[in-house]
C-alpha cells in the first residue's frame, strides 16, 4: 500500500516518492521513458523509524539531476538525495 505520494519529473522522466505502508519504508521509483509507460523497480530511501503512523508529508524535486526528497516524521524533518 502506497500513501503520502509526491510526483516530479527527474531527468525528463516521471518519478514518484511514497510511503510503502506494507514494508514501513520510504520508496522512490522512476519511469524508464518520458511518458511513464514503463517503470523501474522501486528502491528504499529510508526505513529508520518510518511507518504509516509516523510520516506525514513527502515532497520531491529534482536537484542537479537527482531526486531530492523531504519528509516529515513525528519527531523530525528528514531529507534524502537518491544517486
N, C-alpha and C. Protein backbone atom coordinates (compact mmCIF):
# COMPACT_ATOMS: atom_id res chain seq x y z
N UNK A 1 0.83 -1.16 0.00
CA UNK A 1 0.00 0.00 0.00
C UNK A 1 0.89 1.24 0.00
N UNK A 2 0.67 2.14 -0.95
CA UNK A 2 1.45 3.36 -1.03
C UNK A 2 0.62 4.58 -0.65
N UNK A 3 1.16 5.40 0.25
CA UNK A 3 0.48 6.63 0.67
C UNK A 3 1.49 7.77 0.73
N UNK A 4 0.98 8.98 0.92
CA UNK A 4 1.82 10.19 1.03
C UNK A 4 2.77 10.31 -0.16
N UNK A 5 2.22 10.36 -1.35
CA UNK A 5 2.98 10.35 -2.60
C UNK A 5 3.40 11.75 -3.03
N UNK A 6 4.49 11.80 -3.77
CA UNK A 6 4.93 13.04 -4.42
C UNK A 6 5.42 12.68 -5.81
N UNK A 7 4.98 13.45 -6.81
CA UNK A 7 5.34 13.21 -8.20
C UNK A 7 6.22 14.35 -8.70
N UNK A 8 7.27 14.02 -9.44
CA UNK A 8 8.16 15.02 -10.05
C UNK A 8 8.73 14.44 -11.33
N UNK A 9 9.25 15.30 -12.17
CA UNK A 9 9.96 14.87 -13.37
C UNK A 9 11.45 14.91 -13.06
N UNK A 10 12.10 13.76 -13.14
CA UNK A 10 13.53 13.63 -12.84
C UNK A 10 14.23 13.20 -14.12
N UNK A 11 15.16 14.02 -14.58
CA UNK A 11 15.88 13.76 -15.84
C UNK A 11 14.93 13.45 -16.99
N UNK A 12 13.80 14.18 -17.04
CA UNK A 12 12.86 14.04 -18.14
C UNK A 12 11.88 12.89 -18.03
N UNK A 13 11.93 12.14 -16.91
CA UNK A 13 11.04 11.00 -16.73
C UNK A 13 10.23 11.19 -15.45
N UNK A 14 8.95 10.81 -15.43
CA UNK A 14 8.16 10.91 -14.21
C UNK A 14 8.72 10.01 -13.11
N UNK A 15 8.65 10.51 -11.89
CA UNK A 15 9.14 9.76 -10.73
C UNK A 15 8.19 9.98 -9.56
N UNK A 16 8.12 9.01 -8.67
CA UNK A 16 7.23 9.07 -7.52
C UNK A 16 8.00 8.67 -6.26
N UNK A 17 7.83 9.45 -5.20
CA UNK A 17 8.28 9.02 -3.88
C UNK A 17 7.02 8.77 -3.05
N UNK A 18 7.07 7.76 -2.18
CA UNK A 18 5.87 7.39 -1.42
C UNK A 18 6.24 6.56 -0.21
N UNK A 19 5.33 6.51 0.74
CA UNK A 19 5.49 5.64 1.90
C UNK A 19 4.89 4.28 1.56
N UNK A 20 5.69 3.24 1.66
CA UNK A 20 5.21 1.87 1.49
C UNK A 20 4.74 1.39 2.86
N UNK A 21 3.43 1.47 3.09
CA UNK A 21 2.87 1.11 4.38
C UNK A 21 3.01 -0.36 4.71
N UNK A 22 3.10 -1.21 3.70
CA UNK A 22 3.26 -2.65 3.93
C UNK A 22 4.63 -2.96 4.52
N UNK A 23 5.68 -2.34 3.97
CA UNK A 23 7.05 -2.59 4.44
C UNK A 23 7.59 -1.49 5.34
N UNK A 24 6.75 -0.50 5.68
CA UNK A 24 7.12 0.60 6.55
C UNK A 24 8.42 1.26 6.12
N UNK A 25 8.46 1.71 4.85
CA UNK A 25 9.67 2.35 4.33
C UNK A 25 9.30 3.42 3.31
N UNK A 26 10.18 4.40 3.16
CA UNK A 26 10.01 5.43 2.15
C UNK A 26 10.64 4.92 0.87
N UNK A 27 9.89 4.96 -0.24
CA UNK A 27 10.36 4.41 -1.51
C UNK A 27 10.41 5.48 -2.59
N UNK A 28 11.19 5.17 -3.63
CA UNK A 28 11.32 6.02 -4.80
C UNK A 28 11.31 5.13 -6.03
N UNK A 29 10.60 5.58 -7.08
CA UNK A 29 10.58 4.83 -8.34
C UNK A 29 10.51 5.84 -9.49
N UNK A 30 11.19 5.51 -10.59
CA UNK A 30 11.24 6.41 -11.75
C UNK A 30 10.91 5.62 -13.02
N UNK A 31 10.17 6.25 -13.91
CA UNK A 31 9.83 5.62 -15.18
C UNK A 31 11.08 5.51 -16.06
N UNK A 32 11.07 4.53 -16.94
CA UNK A 32 12.20 4.35 -17.87
C UNK A 32 11.99 5.14 -19.15
N UNK A 33 10.80 5.73 -19.30
CA UNK A 33 10.51 6.52 -20.50
C UNK A 33 9.79 7.82 -20.11
N UNK A 34 9.76 8.76 -21.03
CA UNK A 34 9.22 10.09 -20.75
C UNK A 34 7.70 10.09 -20.56
N UNK A 35 7.00 9.12 -21.12
CA UNK A 35 5.55 9.13 -20.98
C UNK A 35 5.04 8.28 -19.81
N UNK A 36 5.92 7.64 -19.06
CA UNK A 36 5.52 6.87 -17.88
C UNK A 36 4.88 5.54 -18.18
N UNK A 37 5.15 4.96 -19.35
CA UNK A 37 4.57 3.66 -19.71
C UNK A 37 5.26 2.49 -19.01
N UNK A 38 6.56 2.64 -18.73
CA UNK A 38 7.34 1.56 -18.11
C UNK A 38 8.08 2.11 -16.90
N UNK A 39 8.09 1.30 -15.83
CA UNK A 39 8.68 1.75 -14.57
C UNK A 39 9.74 0.79 -14.07
N UNK A 40 10.74 1.32 -13.41
CA UNK A 40 11.78 0.51 -12.77
C UNK A 40 11.23 -0.10 -11.50
N UNK A 41 12.04 -0.89 -10.83
CA UNK A 41 11.69 -1.44 -9.53
C UNK A 41 11.89 -0.35 -8.47
N UNK A 42 10.93 -0.16 -7.56
CA UNK A 42 11.11 0.84 -6.50
C UNK A 42 12.32 0.53 -5.62
N UNK A 43 12.98 1.60 -5.14
CA UNK A 43 14.11 1.45 -4.24
C UNK A 43 13.74 2.07 -2.89
N UNK A 44 14.31 1.52 -1.82
CA UNK A 44 14.07 2.03 -0.48
C UNK A 44 14.99 3.21 -0.20
N UNK A 45 14.41 4.31 0.24
CA UNK A 45 15.17 5.51 0.57
C UNK A 45 15.48 5.55 2.06
N UNK A 46 14.49 5.19 2.91
CA UNK A 46 14.68 5.25 4.36
C UNK A 46 13.76 4.23 5.01
N UNK A 47 14.25 3.59 6.07
CA UNK A 47 13.43 2.66 6.83
C UNK A 47 13.49 2.95 8.33
N UNK A 48 14.41 3.77 8.78
CA UNK A 48 14.60 4.00 10.21
C UNK A 48 13.42 4.75 10.82
N UNK A 49 12.63 4.04 11.59
CA UNK A 49 11.53 4.66 12.32
C UNK A 49 10.41 5.19 11.46
N UNK A 50 10.33 4.75 10.23
CA UNK A 50 9.28 5.25 9.34
C UNK A 50 8.16 4.23 9.25
N UNK A 51 6.96 4.64 9.55
CA UNK A 51 5.79 3.81 9.30
C UNK A 51 4.61 4.73 9.00
N UNK A 52 3.51 4.18 8.64
CA UNK A 52 2.39 4.99 8.18
C UNK A 52 1.91 5.97 9.26
N UNK A 53 2.06 5.62 10.51
CA UNK A 53 1.60 6.48 11.59
C UNK A 53 2.59 7.61 11.87
N UNK A 54 3.81 7.52 11.37
CA UNK A 54 4.84 8.48 11.74
C UNK A 54 5.28 9.42 10.62
N UNK A 55 5.00 9.12 9.40
CA UNK A 55 5.37 10.01 8.31
C UNK A 55 4.13 10.79 7.88
N UNK A 56 4.29 12.09 7.68
CA UNK A 56 3.13 12.92 7.41
C UNK A 56 3.12 13.49 6.01
N UNK A 57 4.22 13.96 5.54
CA UNK A 57 4.27 14.59 4.22
C UNK A 57 5.52 14.14 3.48
N UNK A 58 5.46 14.19 2.18
CA UNK A 58 6.58 13.82 1.34
C UNK A 58 6.59 14.77 0.15
N UNK A 59 7.73 15.37 -0.13
CA UNK A 59 7.84 16.29 -1.26
C UNK A 59 9.14 16.00 -2.01
N UNK A 60 9.05 15.93 -3.33
CA UNK A 60 10.22 15.59 -4.14
C UNK A 60 10.43 16.63 -5.23
N UNK A 61 11.68 16.98 -5.45
CA UNK A 61 12.11 17.89 -6.52
C UNK A 61 13.39 17.34 -7.13
N UNK A 62 13.70 17.78 -8.34
CA UNK A 62 14.96 17.43 -8.97
C UNK A 62 16.03 18.44 -8.55
N UNK A 63 17.16 17.94 -8.06
CA UNK A 63 18.30 18.78 -7.68
C UNK A 63 19.54 18.23 -8.38
N UNK A 64 20.08 19.00 -9.30
CA UNK A 64 21.26 18.57 -10.07
C UNK A 64 21.06 17.20 -10.72
N UNK A 65 19.86 16.95 -11.22
CA UNK A 65 19.57 15.71 -11.93
C UNK A 65 19.22 14.54 -11.04
N UNK A 66 19.12 14.76 -9.73
CA UNK A 66 18.82 13.67 -8.80
C UNK A 66 17.54 13.98 -8.02
N UNK A 67 16.80 12.95 -7.61
CA UNK A 67 15.62 13.20 -6.80
C UNK A 67 16.02 13.59 -5.38
N UNK A 68 15.48 14.71 -4.92
CA UNK A 68 15.69 15.17 -3.55
C UNK A 68 14.33 15.09 -2.86
N UNK A 69 14.28 14.33 -1.78
CA UNK A 69 13.01 14.07 -1.10
C UNK A 69 13.08 14.60 0.33
N UNK A 70 12.12 15.44 0.68
CA UNK A 70 11.99 15.86 2.07
C UNK A 70 10.72 15.24 2.62
N UNK A 71 10.77 14.89 3.90
CA UNK A 71 9.60 14.28 4.52
C UNK A 71 9.62 14.53 6.02
N UNK A 72 8.44 14.58 6.59
CA UNK A 72 8.26 14.90 8.00
C UNK A 72 7.81 13.67 8.75
N UNK A 73 8.48 13.40 9.86
CA UNK A 73 8.04 12.33 10.76
C UNK A 73 7.47 12.99 12.02
N UNK A 74 7.05 12.19 12.97
CA UNK A 74 6.54 12.74 14.23
C UNK A 74 7.60 13.53 14.98
N UNK A 75 8.87 13.19 14.77
CA UNK A 75 9.92 13.79 15.59
C UNK A 75 10.90 14.69 14.84
N UNK A 76 10.93 14.62 13.50
CA UNK A 76 11.93 15.41 12.78
C UNK A 76 11.61 15.57 11.31
N UNK A 77 12.23 16.56 10.72
CA UNK A 77 12.19 16.77 9.28
C UNK A 77 13.40 16.04 8.69
N UNK A 78 13.18 15.24 7.65
CA UNK A 78 14.27 14.48 7.04
C UNK A 78 14.41 14.87 5.57
N UNK A 79 15.62 14.65 5.03
CA UNK A 79 15.93 15.00 3.66
C UNK A 79 16.85 13.91 3.10
N UNK A 80 16.57 13.48 1.87
CA UNK A 80 17.40 12.47 1.24
C UNK A 80 17.56 12.79 -0.24
N UNK A 81 18.75 12.57 -0.77
CA UNK A 81 19.01 12.65 -2.20
C UNK A 81 19.38 11.25 -2.66
N UNK A 82 18.70 10.76 -3.69
CA UNK A 82 18.99 9.44 -4.22
C UNK A 82 19.90 9.57 -5.43
N UNK A 83 21.05 8.88 -5.41
CA UNK A 83 22.02 8.96 -6.51
C UNK A 83 21.93 7.75 -7.38
